[in-house]
């Protein structure tokens, strides 16, 4: 990897880290000041939307080979979060104040605050072992919380509003099903797609944390 590529990746990951750190601080400040979980989207929603758009760069990074992730898994992660955020949360004002938004955004932000420093520091091989451990351990708790009572529960709560508003009726007019039907099917299959990503992270954890230590030569 060239020095220019390393500096670019360091800059990108540092930018994402600061963005997610700001979003987390906004959510927590709002929570402690209002003693309520209902203001997560109002406090950090738009910033998270921008960060999610920027995250598409990670699909491109994998496609052009400057990181070893490939394309499929980054695309699945980006696509799932983007669909959830832009097609549902951003379009339905009624769901933006639900606790499930808070339950989603806090794990997203915590994962970003842990994950991106790991990537940034690894560009130059200076990542402390405790950050590596956090990177491949925190997801065990944070991912199920963000997906179960967060994303999946919010999509389920959004169904009545989707049906009432006949959301994306023009887009789905030429199709034999509505957006309501589409989200219902997504809710059925979403856990299986998520489980694939979750198990992949466990494989990564095993390979990163269980590396055999090289014996020192006498």
Protein backbone atom coordinates (compact mmCIF):
# COMPACT_ATOMS: atom_id res chain seq x y z
CA UNK A 1 0.00 0.00 0.00
CA UNK A 2 1.40 3.39 -1.00
CA UNK A 3 1.95 6.18 1.54
CA UNK A 4 -0.67 8.30 -0.24
CA UNK A 5 -3.26 5.54 0.14
CA UNK A 6 -2.36 5.13 3.81
CA UNK A 7 -2.80 8.87 4.45
CA UNK A 8 -6.09 8.88 2.55
CA UNK A 9 -7.47 5.93 4.56
CA UNK A 10 -6.21 7.50 7.79
CA UNK A 11 -8.02 10.73 6.91
CA UNK A 12 -11.24 8.95 5.91
CA UNK A 13 -11.39 6.79 9.05
CA UNK A 14 -10.48 9.72 11.29
CA UNK A 15 -13.28 11.76 9.73
CA UNK A 16 -15.77 8.97 10.37
CA UNK A 17 -14.52 8.63 13.95
CA UNK A 18 -15.03 12.32 14.70
CA UNK A 19 -18.44 12.25 13.03
CA UNK A 20 -19.65 9.32 15.11
CA UNK A 21 -18.11 10.78 18.28
CA UNK A 22 -20.07 13.99 17.69
CA UNK A 23 -23.28 12.07 17.02
CA UNK A 24 -22.83 10.03 20.20
CA UNK A 25 -22.14 13.14 22.27
CA UNK A 26 -25.24 14.88 20.87
CA UNK A 27 -27.46 11.90 21.63
CA UNK A 28 -26.12 11.54 25.18
CA UNK A 29 -26.26 15.27 25.91
CA UNK A 30 -29.89 15.32 24.77
CA UNK A 31 -30.65 12.21 26.84
CA UNK A 32 -29.13 13.53 30.07
CA UNK A 33 -30.56 17.03 29.65
CA UNK A 34 -34.12 15.90 28.84
CA UNK A 35 -34.12 12.55 30.72
CA UNK A 36 -35.80 11.16 27.59
CA UNK A 37 -34.89 8.79 24.76
CA UNK A 38 -37.26 10.48 22.32
CA UNK A 39 -34.90 13.08 20.86
CA UNK A 40 -32.18 10.94 19.28
CA UNK A 41 -33.11 11.71 15.68
CA UNK A 42 -33.59 15.42 16.32
CA UNK A 43 -30.19 15.67 17.99
CA UNK A 44 -28.08 13.57 15.60
CA UNK A 45 -30.24 12.18 12.79
CA UNK A 46 -29.09 14.47 9.99
CA UNK A 47 -25.42 14.04 10.90
CA UNK A 48 -25.84 10.26 10.89
CA UNK A 49 -27.46 10.50 7.44
CA UNK A 50 -24.37 12.31 6.12
CA UNK A 51 -22.05 9.76 7.74
CA UNK A 52 -24.05 6.94 6.18
CA UNK A 53 -23.75 8.49 2.71
CA UNK A 54 -20.00 8.84 3.24
CA UNK A 55 -19.79 5.20 4.31
CA UNK A 56 -20.42 4.13 0.71
CA UNK A 57 -16.74 4.90 0.19
CA UNK A 58 -16.03 1.66 2.07
CA UNK A 59 -17.77 -0.31 -0.68
CA UNK A 60 -15.59 1.51 -3.23
CA UNK A 61 -12.45 0.86 -1.14
CA UNK A 62 -13.19 -2.85 -1.24
CA UNK A 63 -14.03 -2.77 -4.96
CA UNK A 64 -10.74 -1.15 -5.98
CA UNK A 65 -8.72 -3.30 -3.59
CA UNK A 66 -7.18 -0.74 -1.24
CA UNK A 67 -8.70 -2.67 1.69
CA UNK A 68 -9.09 -6.47 1.87
CA UNK A 69 -12.83 -6.51 2.69
CA UNK A 70 -14.11 -7.20 -0.82
CA UNK A 71 -17.42 -5.75 -1.99
CA UNK A 72 -20.27 -8.01 -0.86
CA UNK A 73 -20.14 -7.65 2.93
CA UNK A 74 -19.54 -3.87 2.96
CA UNK A 75 -22.37 -3.48 0.43
CA UNK A 76 -24.74 -5.58 2.56
CA UNK A 77 -23.90 -3.54 5.66
CA UNK A 78 -24.20 -0.22 3.87
CA UNK A 79 -27.37 -1.22 2.01
CA UNK A 80 -29.18 -2.43 5.12
CA UNK A 81 -28.42 0.67 7.17
CA UNK A 82 -29.13 3.04 4.27
CA UNK A 83 -32.50 1.43 3.53
CA UNK A 84 -33.46 1.61 7.21
CA UNK A 85 -32.30 5.19 7.66
CA UNK A 86 -33.37 6.88 4.42
CA UNK A 87 -36.36 4.83 3.26
CA UNK A 88 -38.04 4.58 6.66
CA UNK A 89 -36.74 6.74 9.52
CA UNK A 90 -36.07 9.89 7.50
CA UNK A 91 -39.36 9.63 5.60
CA UNK A 92 -41.74 8.98 8.50
CA UNK A 93 -41.78 11.78 11.07
CA UNK A 94 -43.91 9.73 13.44
CA UNK A 95 -41.20 7.12 14.02
CA UNK A 96 -38.36 9.59 14.56
CA UNK A 97 -39.30 10.10 18.21
CA UNK A 98 -39.63 6.41 19.04
CA UNK A 99 -37.27 4.86 21.63
CA UNK A 100 -36.16 2.32 18.99
CA UNK A 101 -34.35 5.15 17.16
CA UNK A 102 -32.33 5.83 20.31
CA UNK A 103 -31.70 2.10 20.73
CA UNK A 104 -30.41 1.98 17.14
CA UNK A 105 -28.35 5.16 17.07
CA UNK A 106 -26.43 4.58 20.32
CA UNK A 107 -24.94 1.21 19.24
CA UNK A 108 -24.26 2.58 15.73
CA UNK A 109 -22.36 5.50 17.26
CA UNK A 110 -20.46 3.37 19.78
CA UNK A 111 -19.43 0.95 17.03
CA UNK A 112 -18.24 3.88 14.91
CA UNK A 113 -16.24 5.35 17.80
CA UNK A 114 -14.50 1.99 18.30
CA UNK A 115 -14.20 0.74 14.72
CA UNK A 116 -12.78 3.76 12.92
CA UNK A 117 -9.83 4.46 15.26
CA UNK A 118 -8.87 0.80 14.78
CA UNK A 119 -8.83 1.22 11.00
CA UNK A 120 -7.11 4.62 11.12
CA UNK A 121 -4.28 3.54 13.42
CA UNK A 122 -3.78 0.27 11.55
CA UNK A 123 -2.94 2.26 8.42
CA UNK A 124 0.43 2.86 10.06
CA UNK A 125 0.60 -0.29 12.21
CA UNK A 126 0.29 1.59 15.50
CA UNK A 127 -3.04 0.32 16.83
CA UNK A 128 -2.90 -0.50 20.58
CA UNK A 129 -3.99 -4.00 21.50
CA UNK A 130 -6.89 -2.76 23.67
CA UNK A 131 -8.48 -1.02 20.66
CA UNK A 132 -8.12 -4.23 18.64
CA UNK A 133 -9.77 -6.13 21.48
CA UNK A 134 -12.64 -3.63 21.67
CA UNK A 135 -13.06 -3.66 17.89
CA UNK A 136 -13.56 -7.42 17.88
CA UNK A 137 -15.46 -7.75 21.15
CA UNK A 138 -17.88 -4.82 21.56
CA UNK A 139 -19.94 -5.92 18.54
CA UNK A 140 -21.00 -9.08 20.42
CA UNK A 141 -23.35 -6.95 22.54
CA UNK A 142 -23.83 -3.82 20.43
CA UNK A 143 -24.89 -5.48 17.17
CA UNK A 144 -27.81 -7.52 18.60
CA UNK A 145 -29.07 -4.49 20.54
CA UNK A 146 -28.92 -2.23 17.49
CA UNK A 147 -30.60 -4.76 15.21
CA UNK A 148 -33.22 -6.43 17.46
CA UNK A 149 -34.90 -3.79 19.65
CA UNK A 150 -33.50 -1.14 17.32
CA UNK A 151 -33.78 -1.62 13.55
CA UNK A 152 -36.19 -4.58 13.37
CA UNK A 153 -38.54 -3.27 16.05
CA UNK A 154 -38.64 0.19 14.45
CA UNK A 155 -39.45 -1.27 11.03
CA UNK A 156 -42.30 -3.20 12.61
CA UNK A 157 -43.55 -0.04 14.35
CA UNK A 158 -43.36 1.84 11.04
CA UNK A 159 -45.67 -0.58 9.19
CA UNK A 160 -48.97 1.14 10.15
CA UNK A 161 -47.60 4.53 9.01
CA UNK A 162 -46.30 3.04 5.77
CA UNK A 163 -49.71 1.55 5.07
CA UNK A 164 -51.62 4.70 6.08
CA UNK A 165 -49.45 7.03 3.97
CA UNK A 166 -49.19 4.50 1.12
CA UNK A 167 -45.50 5.35 1.12
CA UNK A 168 -43.67 5.24 -2.24
CA UNK A 169 -46.94 4.46 -4.04
CA UNK A 170 -45.67 6.02 -7.30
CA UNK A 171 -42.42 4.06 -7.18
CA UNK A 172 -44.22 0.75 -6.60
CA UNK A 173 -47.16 1.50 -8.92
CA UNK A 174 -45.82 -0.73 -11.71
CA UNK A 175 -44.98 -3.57 -9.33
CA UNK A 176 -47.34 -6.30 -8.07
CA UNK A 177 -46.64 -5.38 -4.46
CA UNK A 178 -46.50 -2.25 -2.29
CA UNK A 179 -43.73 -0.84 -0.13
CA UNK A 180 -45.71 -2.11 2.85
CA UNK A 181 -45.46 -5.66 1.45
CA UNK A 182 -41.77 -5.12 0.71
CA UNK A 183 -40.99 -4.05 4.30
CA UNK A 184 -43.00 -7.00 5.65
CA UNK A 185 -40.88 -9.42 3.60
CA UNK A 186 -37.68 -7.59 4.64
CA UNK A 187 -38.68 -8.03 8.28
CA UNK A 188 -38.88 -11.79 7.73
CA UNK A 189 -35.48 -12.11 6.04
CA UNK A 190 -33.59 -9.28 7.81
CA UNK A 191 -32.51 -11.44 10.79
CA UNK A 192 -31.02 -14.06 8.45
CA UNK A 193 -28.96 -11.50 6.51
CA UNK A 194 -27.87 -9.92 9.78
CA UNK A 195 -26.89 -13.32 11.20
CA UNK A 196 -24.58 -13.89 8.21
CA UNK A 197 -22.75 -10.63 8.99
CA UNK A 198 -22.72 -11.38 12.72
CA UNK A 199 -21.16 -14.83 12.26
CA UNK A 200 -18.63 -13.35 9.83
CA UNK A 201 -17.52 -10.95 12.58
CA UNK A 202 -17.00 -13.88 14.95
CA UNK A 203 -14.73 -15.49 12.35
CA UNK A 204 -12.81 -12.23 12.08
CA UNK A 205 -12.59 -12.04 15.88
CA UNK A 206 -11.12 -15.52 16.07
CA UNK A 207 -8.50 -14.76 13.43
CA UNK A 208 -7.54 -11.37 14.91
CA UNK A 209 -7.48 -12.19 18.62
CA UNK A 210 -6.18 -15.77 18.47
CA UNK A 211 -3.12 -15.16 16.35
CA UNK A 212 -0.25 -17.37 17.54
CA UNK A 213 2.58 -15.39 19.08
CA UNK A 214 5.91 -15.78 17.35
CA UNK A 215 8.58 -17.31 19.51
CA UNK A 216 11.54 -15.10 20.14
CA UNK A 217 14.84 -16.38 18.84
CA UNK A 218 17.56 -16.87 21.41
